[in-house]
Amino acid sequence: MQSMPNHDWAQYSLSMTFVLLLLAAALWWLSRRNKGFLLPANQRRIQILEAYPMGLRHKLLLVQVDSQRLLLAINANDIQTLHAWPADSPPPAQQGASDAL
């Protein structure tokens, strides 16, 4: 097996260092650009609480924005707000809960 000359190893090392530095710079730039995306869950202003798929292109989302909750219907063409209420309001009573007493 034939070994590589020393200048090829130097060029390979220099190229690998350049690629790693470029990758580090790209990751740093993405973290600065998408600052809200990298925040911990409790510090985000917009949170998706639940998602319920209703088909291939339809779903319901329960979203909390600051102190308000929204029930959204999403399909391929649009997003509709079905209901909105304060986030600190109690959850609605379940229909079958009073039957068990």
Protein backbone atom coordinates (compact mmCIF):
# COMPACT_ATOMS: atom_id res chain seq x y z
CA MET A 1 0.00 0.00 0.00
CA GLN A 2 1.35 3.37 -0.98
CA SER A 3 1.40 6.19 1.61
CA MET A 4 0.35 9.76 0.93
CA PRO A 5 2.97 12.49 0.69
CA ASN A 6 3.18 14.93 3.61
CA HIS A 7 1.71 17.84 1.67
CA ASP A 8 -1.48 15.83 1.02
CA TRP A 9 -1.93 15.22 4.76
CA ALA A 10 -1.44 18.91 5.47
CA GLN A 11 -3.97 19.87 2.80
CA TYR A 12 -6.44 17.29 4.18
CA SER A 13 -6.03 18.60 7.74
CA LEU A 14 -6.43 22.19 6.62
CA SER A 15 -9.57 21.34 4.63
CA MET A 16 -11.10 19.44 7.55
CA THR A 17 -10.38 22.32 9.94
CA PHE A 18 -11.99 24.78 7.52
CA VAL A 19 -15.13 22.64 7.20
CA LEU A 20 -15.45 22.28 10.99
CA LEU A 21 -15.02 26.03 11.50
CA LEU A 22 -17.62 26.72 8.82
CA LEU A 23 -20.04 24.32 10.51
CA ALA A 24 -19.47 25.96 13.91
CA ALA A 25 -20.06 29.42 12.40
CA ALA A 26 -23.30 28.26 10.74
CA LEU A 27 -24.59 26.76 14.00
CA TRP A 28 -23.70 29.95 15.90
CA TRP A 29 -25.50 32.08 13.28
CA LEU A 30 -28.60 29.85 13.43
CA SER A 31 -28.71 30.04 17.21
CA ARG A 32 -28.52 33.85 17.11
CA ARG A 33 -31.10 34.11 14.31
CA ASN A 34 -33.66 31.71 15.82
CA LYS A 35 -33.37 32.95 19.36
CA GLY A 36 -37.02 32.16 20.19
CA PHE A 37 -36.75 28.65 18.82
CA LEU A 38 -33.95 27.72 21.20
CA LEU A 39 -35.61 29.05 24.37
CA PRO A 40 -36.66 26.62 27.09
CA ALA A 41 -40.34 25.61 26.93
CA ASN A 42 -41.36 27.68 29.97
CA GLN A 43 -39.95 30.90 28.45
CA ARG A 44 -41.65 30.66 25.05
CA ARG A 45 -44.62 32.93 24.42
CA ILE A 46 -46.26 30.54 21.94
CA GLN A 47 -46.76 26.91 22.98
CA ILE A 48 -48.61 24.08 21.24
CA LEU A 49 -50.39 22.28 24.06
CA GLU A 50 -52.09 19.56 22.02
CA ALA A 51 -52.47 18.49 18.41
CA TYR A 52 -55.27 16.23 17.17
CA PRO A 53 -55.01 14.94 13.59
CA MET A 54 -58.38 14.66 11.87
CA GLY A 55 -57.13 13.34 8.54
CA LEU A 56 -54.21 13.70 6.19
CA ARG A 57 -54.56 17.46 5.80
CA HIS A 58 -56.75 18.51 8.73
CA LYS A 59 -55.90 18.91 12.40
CA LEU A 60 -56.99 20.69 15.56
CA LEU A 61 -54.42 22.56 17.62
CA LEU A 62 -54.71 23.83 21.16
CA VAL A 63 -52.28 26.75 21.37
CA GLN A 64 -51.37 29.03 24.25
CA VAL A 65 -50.15 32.55 23.43
CA ASP A 66 -49.12 34.47 26.54
CA SER A 67 -52.25 34.27 28.74
CA GLN A 68 -54.74 33.16 26.09
CA ARG A 69 -55.62 29.71 24.74
CA LEU A 70 -56.82 29.20 21.19
CA LEU A 71 -58.45 26.22 19.51
CA LEU A 72 -57.38 26.28 15.87
CA ALA A 73 -58.61 24.27 12.89
CA ILE A 74 -55.86 23.82 10.31
CA ASN A 75 -56.18 22.47 6.79
CA ALA A 76 -54.13 22.79 3.60
CA ASN A 77 -55.64 26.18 2.67
CA ASP A 78 -56.23 28.13 5.88
CA ILE A 79 -56.24 28.36 9.67
CA GLN A 80 -59.45 29.20 11.56
CA THR A 81 -59.87 30.14 15.21
CA LEU A 82 -62.69 28.02 16.63
CA HIS A 83 -62.59 29.28 20.20
CA ALA A 84 -60.46 31.52 22.45
CA TRP A 85 -60.43 31.79 26.25
CA PRO A 86 -58.08 32.92 29.05
CA ALA A 87 -55.37 30.41 29.94
CA ASP A 88 -56.12 30.63 33.67
CA SER A 89 -59.78 29.62 33.32
CA PRO A 90 -60.71 26.17 34.68
CA PRO A 91 -61.13 23.34 32.16
CA PRO A 92 -64.72 22.61 31.12
CA ALA A 93 -66.52 19.86 33.03
CA GLN A 94 -66.67 16.50 31.30
CA GLN A 95 -70.12 15.38 30.18
CA GLY A 96 -70.09 11.98 31.88
CA ALA A 97 -68.61 13.18 35.19
CA SER A 98 -71.95 13.84 36.93
CA ASP A 99 -73.30 10.40 35.95
CA ALA A 100 -70.72 8.61 38.10
CA LEU A 101 -72.01 10.16 41.36
